[in-house]
Amino acid sequence: MKSLNEAVKLAGGQAALARAMQNRGRINVRQQHIWKWLQKGRVPAEYAMTIEGITGGAVTRYDLRPDVFGQPPTPSDTDPGRAS
């Protein structure tokens, strides 16, 4: 899973990502969980937004779980000034 590998790299390793997740939301995730997700090629959807926050948006929930979150919104989808 390329996007999770990128998140691990940005966090400084599997253990560092797990620690960051624990610190961010009192989530009981350990390095072994990250390793398992890498082996399975899938992050549980409930952790995708936390990882997105940890990476500062460099790895998004849409990257991690497009099957759950779909494609990222385009600027025209989120423009409040857009006429209907």
Protein backbone atom coordinates (compact mmCIF):
# COMPACT_ATOMS: atom_id res chain seq x y z
CA MET A 1 0.00 0.00 0.00
CA LYS A 2 1.85 3.00 -1.34
CA SER A 3 -0.05 5.66 0.62
CA LEU A 4 0.44 3.93 3.98
CA ASN A 5 4.13 3.48 3.19
CA GLU A 6 4.31 7.21 2.55
CA ALA A 7 2.59 7.94 5.87
CA VAL A 8 5.05 5.66 7.68
CA LYS A 9 7.95 7.44 5.98
CA LEU A 10 6.61 10.90 6.87
CA ALA A 11 6.02 9.89 10.49
CA GLY A 12 9.52 8.49 10.88
CA GLY A 13 8.70 4.79 10.92
CA GLN A 14 6.01 2.35 11.95
CA ALA A 15 6.55 2.85 15.69
CA ALA A 16 6.56 6.64 15.29
CA LEU A 17 3.27 6.54 13.37
CA ALA A 18 1.71 4.33 16.03
CA ARG A 19 2.90 6.71 18.79
CA ALA A 20 1.56 9.71 16.89
CA MET A 21 -1.81 8.00 16.55
CA GLN A 22 -1.85 7.20 20.27
CA ASN A 23 -1.00 10.80 21.15
CA ARG A 24 -3.50 12.28 18.74
CA GLY A 25 -6.64 10.47 19.71
CA ARG A 26 -6.00 8.09 22.59
CA ILE A 27 -6.05 5.30 20.02
CA ASN A 28 -4.66 1.93 21.09
CA VAL A 29 -2.49 1.32 18.01
CA ARG A 30 0.94 -0.26 18.19
CA GLN A 31 3.69 -0.78 15.65
CA GLN A 32 2.41 -4.32 15.12
CA HIS A 33 -0.90 -2.94 13.89
CA ILE A 34 0.85 -0.74 11.35
CA TRP A 35 2.90 -3.73 10.16
CA LYS A 36 -0.26 -5.81 9.77
CA TRP A 37 -1.96 -3.07 7.77
CA LEU A 38 1.06 -2.87 5.48
CA GLN A 39 0.96 -6.65 4.97
CA LYS A 40 -2.79 -6.67 4.31
CA GLY A 41 -2.63 -3.59 2.13
CA ARG A 42 -5.47 -1.92 3.98
CA VAL A 43 -5.86 0.58 6.81
CA PRO A 44 -9.05 0.28 8.85
CA ALA A 45 -11.26 3.17 7.74
CA GLU A 46 -11.66 4.52 11.27
CA TYR A 47 -7.95 5.41 11.34
CA ALA A 48 -7.69 7.07 7.93
CA MET A 49 -8.60 10.58 9.09
CA THR A 50 -6.16 10.36 12.00
CA ILE A 51 -3.34 9.41 9.63
CA GLU A 52 -4.38 12.24 7.32
CA GLY A 53 -4.02 14.67 10.23
CA ILE A 54 -0.66 13.28 11.32
CA THR A 55 0.76 13.68 7.82
CA GLY A 56 -0.63 17.19 7.50
CA GLY A 57 -2.75 16.11 4.56
CA ALA A 58 0.17 14.72 2.56
CA VAL A 59 -1.55 11.33 2.77
CA THR A 60 -5.31 11.74 2.70
CA ARG A 61 -8.21 9.54 3.73
CA TYR A 62 -9.01 9.36 0.02
CA ASP A 63 -5.55 7.92 -0.66
CA LEU A 64 -5.80 5.41 2.16
CA ARG A 65 -9.38 4.20 1.63
CA PRO A 66 -10.90 5.28 -1.69
CA ASP A 67 -13.40 2.43 -1.34
CA VAL A 68 -14.87 4.15 1.73
CA PHE A 69 -14.23 7.87 1.17
CA GLY A 70 -14.36 7.95 -2.63
CA GLN A 71 -12.43 10.42 -4.70
CA PRO A 72 -11.18 13.70 -3.23
CA PRO A 73 -13.56 16.60 -3.77
CA THR A 74 -12.65 18.99 -6.52
CA PRO A 75 -12.43 22.72 -5.78
CA SER A 76 -15.76 23.25 -7.57
CA ASP A 77 -17.41 20.72 -5.21
CA THR A 78 -16.42 22.71 -2.14
CA ASP A 79 -16.65 26.31 -3.44
CA PRO A 80 -19.27 28.08 -1.31
CA GLY A 81 -19.61 30.84 -3.92
CA ARG A 82 -20.56 28.41 -6.66
CA ALA A 83 -23.97 29.00 -8.21
CA SER A 84 -26.34 26.03 -8.16
